[in-house]
């Protein structure tokens, strides 16, 4: 089942997508996730999908973004901080950071360049959505807590990210302006036929800018399956319905920074206003966002030297 949030004739609804139509259902997607009932009753007649505007499936309470692709780490690390290789610690556990849930945008929304950014980038990811609360889960148990999957584009201001990570914090403002989720939630059972012998979802991933393909990979190249990511996220804490867990960016051109690091130059160039980024994931669908001009940053003074007064 595919569940979308959409606007039709001025009204925002949640509905089931099937056969080129969307049928409204009672409730909103986050509410359905929290109730554990995605099979909501129809609340009207189906309408053509071509006549609706797809919105972000829902506003998630939390968004964790992992870095689960070794090839991505190899390339982007050189681009962001100038170091080669993959840190030994990467292999120990699936690292993640919390990104901004207020920055979620829809599958066809315009995306502004972050204030002060001159090296704007996309990131091709897939995300799992939690459907049942749990903590200290095993990987086997974690599978039952995944309600479904959607496409995620973790837009990144690479110059801002590189600067803030020099103080061993972040990424923060480098990832703070937009995260695309969509085009809809595909329930986990729909993707089971794609699971390979090692337990990974073998989905083809592609990304293009202005119609030219930039990257192509397989989701099954992740270092850990999603069940491991959920189990790690739940270690010592709760995961709850609606939480989003991104895979991290795939390799082989899943973002521009990876290619910049490998080639030693900004080729392809950073995104500019007017560029159209399209991401397609086998078994899920596609999202398409246009980059637009952002606002100028509000100036802030540099930090003063520490006064070193004492009480």
C-alpha atoms as a PDB file:
ATOM      1  CA  UNK A   1       0.000   0.000   0.000  1.00  0.00           C
ATOM      2  CA  UNK A   2       1.093   3.555  -0.773  1.00  0.00           C
ATOM      3  CA  UNK A   3      -0.136   6.342   1.475  1.00  0.00           C
ATOM      4  CA  UNK A   4       0.181   9.957   0.369  1.00  0.00           C
ATOM      5  CA  UNK A   5      -0.739  13.375   1.700  1.00  0.00           C
ATOM      6  CA  UNK A   6      -2.065  15.646  -0.996  1.00  0.00           C
ATOM      7  CA  UNK A   7      -3.960  18.811  -1.752  1.00  0.00           C
ATOM      8  CA  UNK A   8      -7.020  18.618  -3.985  1.00  0.00           C
ATOM      9  CA  UNK A   9      -9.431  21.468  -4.616  1.00  0.00           C
ATOM     10  CA  UNK A  10      -8.025  23.395  -1.660  1.00  0.00           C
ATOM     11  CA  UNK A  11      -8.273  20.559   0.850  1.00  0.00           C
ATOM     12  CA  UNK A  12      -5.429  18.542   2.351  1.00  0.00           C
ATOM     13  CA  UNK A  13      -6.131  14.831   2.695  1.00  0.00           C
ATOM     14  CA  UNK A  14      -4.386  11.524   3.318  1.00  0.00           C
ATOM     15  CA  UNK A  15      -5.115   8.834   0.760  1.00  0.00           C
ATOM     16  CA  UNK A  16      -4.202   5.481  -0.761  1.00  0.00           C
ATOM     17  CA  UNK A  17      -2.430   5.645  -4.130  1.00  0.00           C
ATOM     18  CA  UNK A  18      -3.277   2.881  -6.594  1.00  0.00           C
ATOM     19  CA  UNK A  19      -3.698   2.609 -10.348  1.00  0.00           C
ATOM     20  CA  UNK A  20      -3.119   6.282 -11.114  1.00  0.00           C
ATOM     21  CA  UNK A  21      -5.645   7.484  -8.531  1.00  0.00           C
ATOM     22  CA  UNK A  22      -5.668   8.465  -4.888  1.00  0.00           C
ATOM     23  CA  UNK A  23      -8.557   7.572  -2.592  1.00  0.00           C
ATOM     24  CA  UNK A  24      -8.993   9.706   0.546  1.00  0.00           C
ATOM     25  CA  UNK A  25      -9.099   7.995   3.918  1.00  0.00           C
ATOM     26  CA  UNK A  26     -10.127   9.105   7.387  1.00  0.00           C
ATOM     27  CA  UNK A  27      -7.350  10.698   9.420  1.00  0.00           C
ATOM     28  CA  UNK A  28      -3.841  11.939   8.681  1.00  0.00           C
ATOM     29  CA  UNK A  29      -0.795   9.753   8.109  1.00  0.00           C
ATOM     30  CA  UNK A  30       0.991  10.530  11.370  1.00  0.00           C
ATOM     31  CA  UNK A  31      -2.209   9.829  13.281  1.00  0.00           C
ATOM     32  CA  UNK A  32      -2.629   6.522  11.465  1.00  0.00           C
ATOM     33  CA  UNK A  33       0.957   5.567  12.269  1.00  0.00           C
ATOM     34  CA  UNK A  34       0.393   6.328  15.933  1.00  0.00           C
ATOM     35  CA  UNK A  35      -2.786   4.249  15.963  1.00  0.00           C
ATOM     36  CA  UNK A  36      -1.032   1.377  14.209  1.00  0.00           C
ATOM     37  CA  UNK A  37      -3.804   1.298  11.596  1.00  0.00           C
ATOM     38  CA  UNK A  38      -2.644   2.179   8.101  1.00  0.00           C
ATOM     39  CA  UNK A  39      -5.629   0.366   6.564  1.00  0.00           C
ATOM     40  CA  UNK A  40      -8.008   3.265   7.225  1.00  0.00           C
ATOM     41  CA  UNK A  41     -11.505   3.297   5.770  1.00  0.00           C
ATOM     42  CA  UNK A  42     -12.099   5.252   2.523  1.00  0.00           C
ATOM     43  CA  UNK A  43     -13.518   8.728   3.073  1.00  0.00           C
ATOM     44  CA  UNK A  44     -14.532   9.620  -0.486  1.00  0.00           C
ATOM     45  CA  UNK A  45     -14.202   8.795  -4.151  1.00  0.00           C
ATOM     46  CA  UNK A  46     -10.819   8.315  -5.867  1.00  0.00           C
ATOM     47  CA  UNK A  47      -9.427  11.221  -7.881  1.00  0.00           C
ATOM     48  CA  UNK A  48      -6.750  11.163 -10.603  1.00  0.00           C
ATOM     49  CA  UNK A  49      -3.260  11.411  -9.163  1.00  0.00           C
ATOM     50  CA  UNK A  50      -2.390  13.821 -11.971  1.00  0.00           C
ATOM     51  CA  UNK A  51      -4.880  16.360 -10.577  1.00  0.00           C
ATOM     52  CA  UNK A  52      -3.531  16.553  -7.016  1.00  0.00           C
ATOM     53  CA  UNK A  53      -0.467  18.207  -5.511  1.00  0.00           C
ATOM     54  CA  UNK A  54       1.550  15.799  -3.435  1.00  0.00           C
ATOM     55  CA  UNK A  55       2.757  17.184  -0.116  1.00  0.00           C
ATOM     56  CA  UNK A  56       5.249  15.839   2.396  1.00  0.00           C
ATOM     57  CA  UNK A  57       3.660  12.589   3.649  1.00  0.00           C
ATOM     58  CA  UNK A  58       3.629  13.995   7.210  1.00  0.00           C
ATOM     59  CA  UNK A  59       5.675  16.129   9.585  1.00  0.00           C
ATOM     60  CA  UNK A  60       7.841  13.641  11.517  1.00  0.00           C
ATOM     61  CA  UNK A  61       8.532  14.113  15.231  1.00  0.00           C
ATOM     62  CA  UNK A  62      12.219  13.191  14.755  1.00  0.00           C
ATOM     63  CA  UNK A  63      14.552  12.605  11.817  1.00  0.00           C
ATOM     64  CA  UNK A  64      17.732  10.583  12.280  1.00  0.00           C
ATOM     65  CA  UNK A  65      20.124  10.426   9.351  1.00  0.00           C
ATOM     66  CA  UNK A  66      22.660   7.610   9.237  1.00  0.00           C
ATOM     67  CA  UNK A  67      25.802   7.270   7.148  1.00  0.00           C
ATOM     68  CA  UNK A  68      25.470   3.655   6.068  1.00  0.00           C
ATOM     69  CA  UNK A  69      27.255   3.661   2.679  1.00  0.00           C
ATOM     70  CA  UNK A  70      31.012   3.118   2.819  1.00  0.00           C
ATOM     71  CA  UNK A  71      31.554   4.483  -0.694  1.00  0.00           C
ATOM     72  CA  UNK A  72      29.856   7.765   0.223  1.00  0.00           C
ATOM     73  CA  UNK A  73      32.065   8.199   3.293  1.00  0.00           C
ATOM     74  CA  UNK A  74      35.160   7.570   1.191  1.00  0.00           C
ATOM     75  CA  UNK A  75      34.382  10.336  -1.282  1.00  0.00           C
ATOM     76  CA  UNK A  76      32.640  12.981   0.787  1.00  0.00           C
ATOM     77  CA  UNK A  77      35.175  12.878   3.631  1.00  0.00           C
ATOM     78  CA  UNK A  78      37.892  14.035   1.258  1.00  0.00           C
ATOM     79  CA  UNK A  79      35.613  16.807  -0.017  1.00  0.00           C
ATOM     80  CA  UNK A  80      34.455  18.092   3.389  1.00  0.00           C
ATOM     81  CA  UNK A  81      37.597  17.845   5.529  1.00  0.00           C
ATOM     82  CA  UNK A  82      40.365  16.898   3.097  1.00  0.00           C
ATOM     83  CA  UNK A  83      41.098  13.469   4.607  1.00  0.00           C
ATOM     84  CA  UNK A  84      41.206  10.224   2.644  1.00  0.00           C
ATOM     85  CA  UNK A  85      39.790   6.802   3.468  1.00  0.00           C
ATOM     86  CA  UNK A  86      37.091   5.658   5.861  1.00  0.00           C
ATOM     87  CA  UNK A  87      37.511   6.145   9.644  1.00  0.00           C
ATOM     88  CA  UNK A  88      37.947   2.861  11.514  1.00  0.00           C
ATOM     89  CA  UNK A  89      35.115   3.883  13.838  1.00  0.00           C
ATOM     90  CA  UNK A  90      32.671   3.862  10.918  1.00  0.00           C
ATOM     91  CA  UNK A  91      32.768   0.046  10.865  1.00  0.00           C
ATOM     92  CA  UNK A  92      31.973  -0.277  14.579  1.00  0.00           C
ATOM     93  CA  UNK A  93      28.379   1.007  14.597  1.00  0.00           C
ATOM     94  CA  UNK A  94      25.915   2.808  12.280  1.00  0.00           C
ATOM     95  CA  UNK A  95      26.528   6.458  13.177  1.00  0.00           C
ATOM     96  CA  UNK A  96      23.761   9.036  12.782  1.00  0.00           C
ATOM     97  CA  UNK A  97      22.853  12.611  13.636  1.00  0.00           C
ATOM     98  CA  UNK A  98      19.498  14.263  14.310  1.00  0.00           C
ATOM     99  CA  UNK A  99      18.408  16.670  11.604  1.00  0.00           C
ATOM    100  CA  UNK A 100      15.685  19.327  11.612  1.00  0.00           C
ATOM    101  CA  UNK A 101      12.097  17.958  11.457  1.00  0.00           C
ATOM    102  CA  UNK A 102      10.817  21.513  10.820  1.00  0.00           C
ATOM    103  CA  UNK A 103      12.734  21.581   7.519  1.00  0.00           C
ATOM    104  CA  UNK A 104      10.747  18.786   5.824  1.00  0.00           C
ATOM    105  CA  UNK A 105       9.454  19.705   2.370  1.00  0.00           C
ATOM    106  CA  UNK A 106       7.288  17.881  -0.147  1.00  0.00           C
ATOM    107  CA  UNK A 107       8.266  15.799  -3.173  1.00  0.00           C
ATOM    108  CA  UNK A 108       7.665  18.631  -5.662  1.00  0.00           C
ATOM    109  CA  UNK A 109       8.299  21.707  -3.503  1.00  0.00           C
ATOM    110  CA  UNK A 110      10.843  24.381  -4.383  1.00  0.00           C
ATOM    111  CA  UNK A 111      13.991  24.257  -2.244  1.00  0.00           C
ATOM    112  CA  UNK A 112      15.800  27.528  -1.399  1.00  0.00           C
ATOM    113  CA  UNK A 113      19.567  27.813  -1.295  1.00  0.00           C
ATOM    114  CA  UNK A 114      20.539  28.144   2.409  1.00  0.00           C
ATOM    115  CA  UNK A 115      21.590  31.641   3.491  1.00  0.00           C
ATOM    116  CA  UNK A 116      25.266  32.213   2.721  1.00  0.00           C
ATOM    117  CA  UNK A 117      25.717  28.887   0.911  1.00  0.00           C
ATOM    118  CA  UNK A 118      27.835  28.684  -2.259  1.00  0.00           C
ATOM    119  CA  UNK A 119      28.195  24.897  -2.423  1.00  0.00           C
ATOM    120  CA  UNK A 120      24.654  23.494  -2.372  1.00  0.00           C
ATOM    121  CA  UNK A 121      24.219  19.751  -2.796  1.00  0.00           C
ATOM    122  CA  UNK A 122      21.593  16.994  -2.903  1.00  0.00           C
ATOM    123  CA  UNK A 123      21.817  13.610  -1.147  1.00  0.00           C
ATOM    124  CA  UNK A 124      20.068  10.493  -2.466  1.00  0.00           C
ATOM    125  CA  UNK A 125      18.692   8.393   0.387  1.00  0.00           C
ATOM    126  CA  UNK A 126      15.898   6.038   1.392  1.00  0.00           C
ATOM    127  CA  UNK A 127      14.333   6.301   4.840  1.00  0.00           C
ATOM    128  CA  UNK A 128      12.505   3.858   7.074  1.00  0.00           C
ATOM    129  CA  UNK A 129       9.461   5.032   9.039  1.00  0.00           C
ATOM    130  CA  UNK A 130       8.756   3.649  12.506  1.00  0.00           C
ATOM    131  CA  UNK A 131       5.269   2.221  13.027  1.00  0.00           C
ATOM    132  CA  UNK A 132       5.519   0.761  16.550  1.00  0.00           C
ATOM    133  CA  UNK A 133       7.210   2.120  19.660  1.00  0.00           C
ATOM    134  CA  UNK A 134      10.108   0.175  21.107  1.00  0.00           C
ATOM    135  CA  UNK A 135      13.461   0.401  22.841  1.00  0.00           C
ATOM    136  CA  UNK A 136      16.556  -1.786  23.091  1.00  0.00           C
ATOM    137  CA  UNK A 137      15.335  -3.762  20.102  1.00  0.00           C
ATOM    138  CA  UNK A 138      17.168  -6.631  18.471  1.00  0.00           C
ATOM    139  CA  UNK A 139      17.545  -6.438  14.679  1.00  0.00           C
ATOM    140  CA  UNK A 140      15.046  -9.285  14.285  1.00  0.00           C
ATOM    141  CA  UNK A 141      12.494  -7.503  16.441  1.00  0.00           C
ATOM    142  CA  UNK A 142      13.188  -4.177  14.734  1.00  0.00           C
ATOM    143  CA  UNK A 143      11.761  -5.411  11.426  1.00  0.00           C
ATOM    144  CA  UNK A 144       8.283  -5.519  12.973  1.00  0.00           C
ATOM    145  CA  UNK A 145       8.645  -1.887  14.026  1.00  0.00           C
ATOM    146  CA  UNK A 146       9.178  -0.563  10.476  1.00  0.00           C
ATOM    147  CA  UNK A 147       5.907   0.629   8.949  1.00  0.00           C
ATOM    148  CA  UNK A 148       7.330   1.484   5.557  1.00  0.00           C
ATOM    149  CA  UNK A 149       9.775   3.434   3.458  1.00  0.00           C
ATOM    150  CA  UNK A 150      10.031   6.673   1.501  1.00  0.00           C
ATOM    151  CA  UNK A 151      12.594   8.639  -0.481  1.00  0.00           C
ATOM    152  CA  UNK A 152      14.712  11.184   1.360  1.00  0.00           C
ATOM    153  CA  UNK A 153      16.860  14.015  -0.014  1.00  0.00           C
ATOM    154  CA  UNK A 154      19.066  15.445   2.710  1.00  0.00           C
ATOM    155  CA  UNK A 155      19.930  18.791   1.053  1.00  0.00           C
ATOM    156  CA  UNK A 156      23.355  19.995   2.191  1.00  0.00           C
ATOM    157  CA  UNK A 157      25.238  23.299   2.315  1.00  0.00           C
ATOM    158  CA  UNK A 158      28.705  21.807   1.937  1.00  0.00           C
ATOM    159  CA  UNK A 159      30.673  24.992   2.621  1.00  0.00           C
ATOM    160  CA  UNK A 160      28.722  25.670   5.819  1.00  0.00           C
ATOM    161  CA  UNK A 161      29.048  22.008   6.834  1.00  0.00           C
ATOM    162  CA  UNK A 162      32.804  21.982   6.278  1.00  0.00           C
ATOM    163  CA  UNK A 163      33.329  25.079   8.386  1.00  0.00           C
ATOM    164  CA  UNK A 164      31.159  24.055  11.341  1.00  0.00           C
ATOM    165  CA  UNK A 165      32.619  20.546  11.504  1.00  0.00           C
ATOM    166  CA  UNK A 166      36.065  22.043  12.111  1.00  0.00           C
ATOM    167  CA  UNK A 167      34.923  22.603  15.710  1.00  0.00           C
ATOM    168  CA  UNK A 168      33.902  18.920  15.990  1.00  0.00           C
ATOM    169  CA  UNK A 169      30.185  19.658  15.981  1.00  0.00           C
ATOM    170  CA  UNK A 170      27.599  19.218  13.308  1.00  0.00           C
ATOM    171  CA  UNK A 171      26.520  18.843  10.709  1.00  0.00           C
ATOM    172  CA  UNK A 172      23.956  21.409  11.841  1.00  0.00           C
ATOM    173  CA  UNK A 173      23.374  24.570   9.781  1.00  0.00           C
ATOM    174  CA  UNK A 174      24.886  22.704   6.862  1.00  0.00           C
ATOM    175  CA  UNK A 175      21.774  20.486   6.893  1.00  0.00           C
ATOM    176  CA  UNK A 176      19.184  22.817   8.383  1.00  0.00           C
ATOM    177  CA  UNK A 177      17.221  24.287   5.469  1.00  0.00           C
ATOM    178  CA  UNK A 178      15.417  21.430   3.697  1.00  0.00           C
ATOM    179  CA  UNK A 179      14.874  17.671   3.746  1.00  0.00           C
ATOM    180  CA  UNK A 180      12.601  16.260   1.069  1.00  0.00           C
ATOM    181  CA  UNK A 181      10.432  13.268   2.016  1.00  0.00           C
ATOM    182  CA  UNK A 182       8.108  11.468  -0.381  1.00  0.00           C
ATOM    183  CA  UNK A 183       6.486  10.957  -2.698  1.00  0.00           C
ATOM    184  CA  UNK A 184       4.475   8.740  -0.326  1.00  0.00           C
ATOM    185  CA  UNK A 185       4.930   6.054   2.308  1.00  0.00           C
ATOM    186  CA  UNK A 186       5.262   2.568   0.821  1.00  0.00           C
ATOM    187  CA  UNK A 187       4.354  -0.048   3.421  1.00  0.00           C
ATOM    188  CA  UNK A 188       7.079  -2.523   4.305  1.00  0.00           C
ATOM    189  CA  UNK A 189       5.263  -5.546   2.871  1.00  0.00           C
ATOM    190  CA  UNK A 190       5.351  -3.978  -0.613  1.00  0.00           C
ATOM    191  CA  UNK A 191       9.165  -4.063  -0.631  1.00  0.00           C
ATOM    192  CA  UNK A 192       9.679  -7.560   0.771  1.00  0.00           C
ATOM    193  CA  UNK A 193      10.008  -9.043  -2.758  1.00  0.00           C
ATOM    194  CA  UNK A 194      13.155  -6.920  -3.186  1.00  0.00           C
ATOM    195  CA  UNK A 195      14.914  -8.375  -0.124  1.00  0.00           C
ATOM    196  CA  UNK A 196      18.089 -10.274  -1.020  1.00  0.00           C
ATOM    197  CA  UNK A 197      19.650 -13.335   0.619  1.00  0.00           C
ATOM    198  CA  UNK A 198      21.616 -11.135   3.033  1.00  0.00           C
ATOM    199  CA  UNK A 199      18.519  -9.317   4.262  1.00  0.00           C
ATOM    200  CA  UNK A 200      19.072  -6.063   2.351  1.00  0.00           C
ATOM    201  CA  UNK A 201      16.519  -4.340   0.112  1.00  0.00           C
ATOM    202  CA  UNK A 202      17.918  -4.468  -3.424  1.00  0.00           C
ATOM    203  CA  UNK A 203      16.395  -1.289  -4.889  1.00  0.00           C
ATOM    204  CA  UNK A 204      17.846   0.655  -7.817  1.00  0.00           C
ATOM    205  CA  UNK A 205      18.587   4.308  -6.983  1.00  0.00           C
ATOM    206  CA  UNK A 206      19.153   7.121  -9.491  1.00  0.00           C
ATOM    207  CA  UNK A 207      19.534  10.896  -9.313  1.00  0.00           C
ATOM    208  CA  UNK A 208      19.654  13.462 -12.112  1.00  0.00           C
ATOM    209  CA  UNK A 209      20.155  17.219 -12.357  1.00  0.00           C
ATOM    210  CA  UNK A 210      18.371  18.997 -15.208  1.00  0.00           C
ATOM    211  CA  UNK A 211      17.748  15.636 -16.868  1.00  0.00           C
ATOM    212  CA  UNK A 212      21.391  14.467 -16.799  1.00  0.00           C
ATOM    213  CA  UNK A 213      22.057  11.419 -14.639  1.00  0.00           C
ATOM    214  CA  UNK A 214      24.592  12.096 -11.879  1.00  0.00           C
ATOM    215  CA  UNK A 215      24.438   8.986  -9.710  1.00  0.00           C
ATOM    216  CA  UNK A 216      23.250   5.378  -9.743  1.00  0.00           C
ATOM    217  CA  UNK A 217      23.531   2.764  -6.992  1.00  0.00           C
ATOM    218  CA  UNK A 218      21.762  -0.069  -5.170  1.00  0.00           C
ATOM    219  CA  UNK A 219      20.237   0.324  -1.724  1.00  0.00           C
ATOM    220  CA  UNK A 220      21.626  -3.131  -0.906  1.00  0.00           C
ATOM    221  CA  UNK A 221      25.139  -1.606  -0.867  1.00  0.00           C
ATOM    222  CA  UNK A 222      24.406  -0.308   2.652  1.00  0.00           C
ATOM    223  CA  UNK A 223      26.815  -1.445   5.342  1.00  0.00           C
ATOM    224  CA  UNK A 224      23.897  -2.402   7.599  1.00  0.00           C
ATOM    225  CA  UNK A 225      20.251  -3.235   6.768  1.00  0.00           C
ATOM    226  CA  UNK A 226      17.535  -0.956   8.117  1.00  0.00           C
ATOM    227  CA  UNK A 227      16.745  -3.394  10.925  1.00  0.00           C
ATOM    228  CA  UNK A 228      20.235  -2.806  12.332  1.00  0.00           C
ATOM    229  CA  UNK A 229      19.778   0.954  12.068  1.00  0.00           C
ATOM    230  CA  UNK A 230      16.500   0.782  13.992  1.00  0.00           C
ATOM    231  CA  UNK A 231      18.025  -1.482  16.637  1.00  0.00           C
ATOM    232  CA  UNK A 232      20.950   0.895  17.141  1.00  0.00           C
ATOM    233  CA  UNK A 233      18.679   3.952  17.254  1.00  0.00           C
ATOM    234  CA  UNK A 234      16.595   2.250  19.965  1.00  0.00           C
ATOM    235  CA  UNK A 235      19.588   1.394  22.133  1.00  0.00           C
ATOM    236  CA  UNK A 236      18.946   2.942  25.549  1.00  0.00           C
ATOM    237  CA  UNK A 237      16.030   5.050  24.281  1.00  0.00           C
ATOM    238  CA  UNK A 238      12.725   4.957  22.422  1.00  0.00           C
ATOM    239  CA  UNK A 239      11.835   4.956  18.769  1.00  0.00           C
ATOM    240  CA  UNK A 240       8.210   5.944  18.261  1.00  0.00           C
ATOM    241  CA  UNK A 241       5.665   5.943  15.430  1.00  0.00           C
ATOM    242  CA  UNK A 242       6.502   8.510  12.780  1.00  0.00           C
ATOM    243  CA  UNK A 243      10.233   8.642  13.502  1.00  0.00           C
ATOM    244  CA  UNK A 244      12.238   8.795  10.260  1.00  0.00           C
ATOM    245  CA  UNK A 245      15.569   6.957   9.900  1.00  0.00           C
ATOM    246  CA  UNK A 246      17.508   7.860   6.766  1.00  0.00           C
ATOM    247  CA  UNK A 247      19.934   5.409   5.193  1.00  0.00           C
ATOM    248  CA  UNK A 248      22.536   8.052   4.535  1.00  0.00           C
ATOM    249  CA  UNK A 249      23.651   8.945   1.041  1.00  0.00           C
ATOM    250  CA  UNK A 250      24.361   6.169  -1.423  1.00  0.00           C
ATOM    251  CA  UNK A 251      27.631   5.883  -3.330  1.00  0.00           C
ATOM    252  CA  UNK A 252      28.534   6.282  -7.003  1.00  0.00           C
ATOM    253  CA  UNK A 253      27.313   9.863  -7.325  1.00  0.00           C
ATOM    254  CA  UNK A 254      24.638   9.882  -4.629  1.00  0.00           C
ATOM    255  CA  UNK A 255      25.717  13.464  -3.944  1.00  0.00           C
ATOM    256  CA  UNK A 256      27.950  16.032  -5.613  1.00  0.00           C
ATOM    257  CA  UNK A 257      30.427  16.233  -2.722  1.00  0.00           C
ATOM    258  CA  UNK A 258      31.412  12.603  -3.191  1.00  0.00           C
ATOM    259  CA  UNK A 259      32.352  13.342  -6.793  1.00  0.00           C
ATOM    260  CA  UNK A 260      34.162  16.550  -5.808  1.00  0.00           C
ATOM    261  CA  UNK A 261      36.273  14.577  -3.348  1.00  0.00           C
ATOM    262  CA  UNK A 262      37.126  11.845  -5.847  1.00  0.00           C
ATOM    263  CA  UNK A 263      37.869  14.246  -8.715  1.00  0.00           C
ATOM    264  CA  UNK A 264      39.574  16.932  -6.672  1.00  0.00           C
ATOM    265  CA  UNK A 265      37.454  19.695  -8.184  1.00  0.00           C
ATOM    266  CA  UNK A 266      33.802  20.878  -8.076  1.00  0.00           C
ATOM    267  CA  UNK A 267      32.665  18.789 -11.049  1.00  0.00           C
ATOM    268  CA  UNK A 268      29.670  18.730 -11.527  1.00  0.00           C
ATOM    269  CA  UNK A 269      29.233  22.262 -10.156  1.00  0.00           C
ATOM    270  CA  UNK A 270      27.225  23.081  -7.019  1.00  0.00           C
ATOM    271  CA  UNK A 271      23.484  23.467  -7.423  1.00  0.00           C
ATOM    272  CA  UNK A 272      22.164  26.845  -8.507  1.00  0.00           C
ATOM    273  CA  UNK A 273      18.706  28.444  -8.624  1.00  0.00           C
ATOM    274  CA  UNK A 274      16.773  26.906 -11.490  1.00  0.00           C
ATOM    275  CA  UNK A 275      18.387  23.469 -11.235  1.00  0.00           C
ATOM    276  CA  UNK A 276      15.931  20.569 -11.081  1.00  0.00           C
ATOM    277  CA  UNK A 277      16.928  17.534  -9.008  1.00  0.00           C
ATOM    278  CA  UNK A 278      15.032  14.298  -9.588  1.00  0.00           C
ATOM    279  CA  UNK A 279      15.491  11.149  -7.517  1.00  0.00           C
ATOM    280  CA  UNK A 280      13.937   7.797  -8.399  1.00  0.00           C
ATOM    281  CA  UNK A 281      13.902   4.654  -6.253  1.00  0.00           C
ATOM    282  CA  UNK A 282      12.733   1.305  -7.542  1.00  0.00           C
ATOM    283  CA  UNK A 283       9.600   0.085  -5.777  1.00  0.00           C
ATOM    284  CA  UNK A 284       8.899   3.484  -4.221  1.00  0.00           C
ATOM    285  CA  UNK A 285       8.636   6.214  -6.869  1.00  0.00           C
ATOM    286  CA  UNK A 286      10.255   9.565  -7.623  1.00  0.00           C
ATOM    287  CA  UNK A 287      10.606  13.070  -6.204  1.00  0.00           C
ATOM    288  CA  UNK A 288      11.438  16.216  -8.180  1.00  0.00           C
ATOM    289  CA  UNK A 289      12.478  19.523  -6.609  1.00  0.00           C
ATOM    290  CA  UNK A 290      13.564  22.822  -8.135  1.00  0.00           C
ATOM    291  CA  UNK A 291      16.301  24.858  -6.458  1.00  0.00           C
ATOM    292  CA  UNK A 292      15.372  28.529  -5.962  1.00  0.00           C
ATOM    293  CA  UNK A 293      17.202  31.554  -4.600  1.00  0.00           C
ATOM    294  CA  UNK A 294      17.336  31.830  -0.836  1.00  0.00           C
ATOM    295  CA  UNK A 295      17.706  34.832   1.447  1.00  0.00           C
ATOM    296  CA  UNK A 296      20.886  36.597   2.503  1.00  0.00           C
ATOM    297  CA  UNK A 297      22.177  35.624   5.951  1.00  0.00           C
ATOM    298  CA  UNK A 298      21.511  37.970   8.830  1.00  0.00           C
ATOM    299  CA  UNK A 299      25.017  39.147   9.836  1.00  0.00           C
ATOM    300  CA  UNK A 300      26.400  38.149  13.223  1.00  0.00           C
ATOM    301  CA  UNK A 301      29.597  39.416  14.853  1.00  0.00           C
ATOM    302  CA  UNK A 302      32.520  37.097  15.439  1.00  0.00           C
ATOM    303  CA  UNK A 303      32.966  35.774  18.964  1.00  0.00           C
ATOM    304  CA  UNK A 304      34.836  38.062  21.317  1.00  0.00           C
ATOM    305  CA  UNK A 305      37.969  36.701  22.988  1.00  0.00           C
ATOM    306  CA  UNK A 306      37.084  34.971  26.244  1.00  0.00           C
ATOM    307  CA  UNK A 307      37.111  37.635  29.000  1.00  0.00           C
ATOM    308  CA  UNK A 308      38.324  35.130  31.615  1.00  0.00           C
ATOM    309  CA  UNK A 309      36.694  36.904  34.553  1.00  0.00           C
ATOM    310  CA  UNK A 310      36.046  34.843  37.659  1.00  0.00           C
ATOM    311  CA  UNK A 311      33.436  35.219  40.423  1.00  0.00           C
END
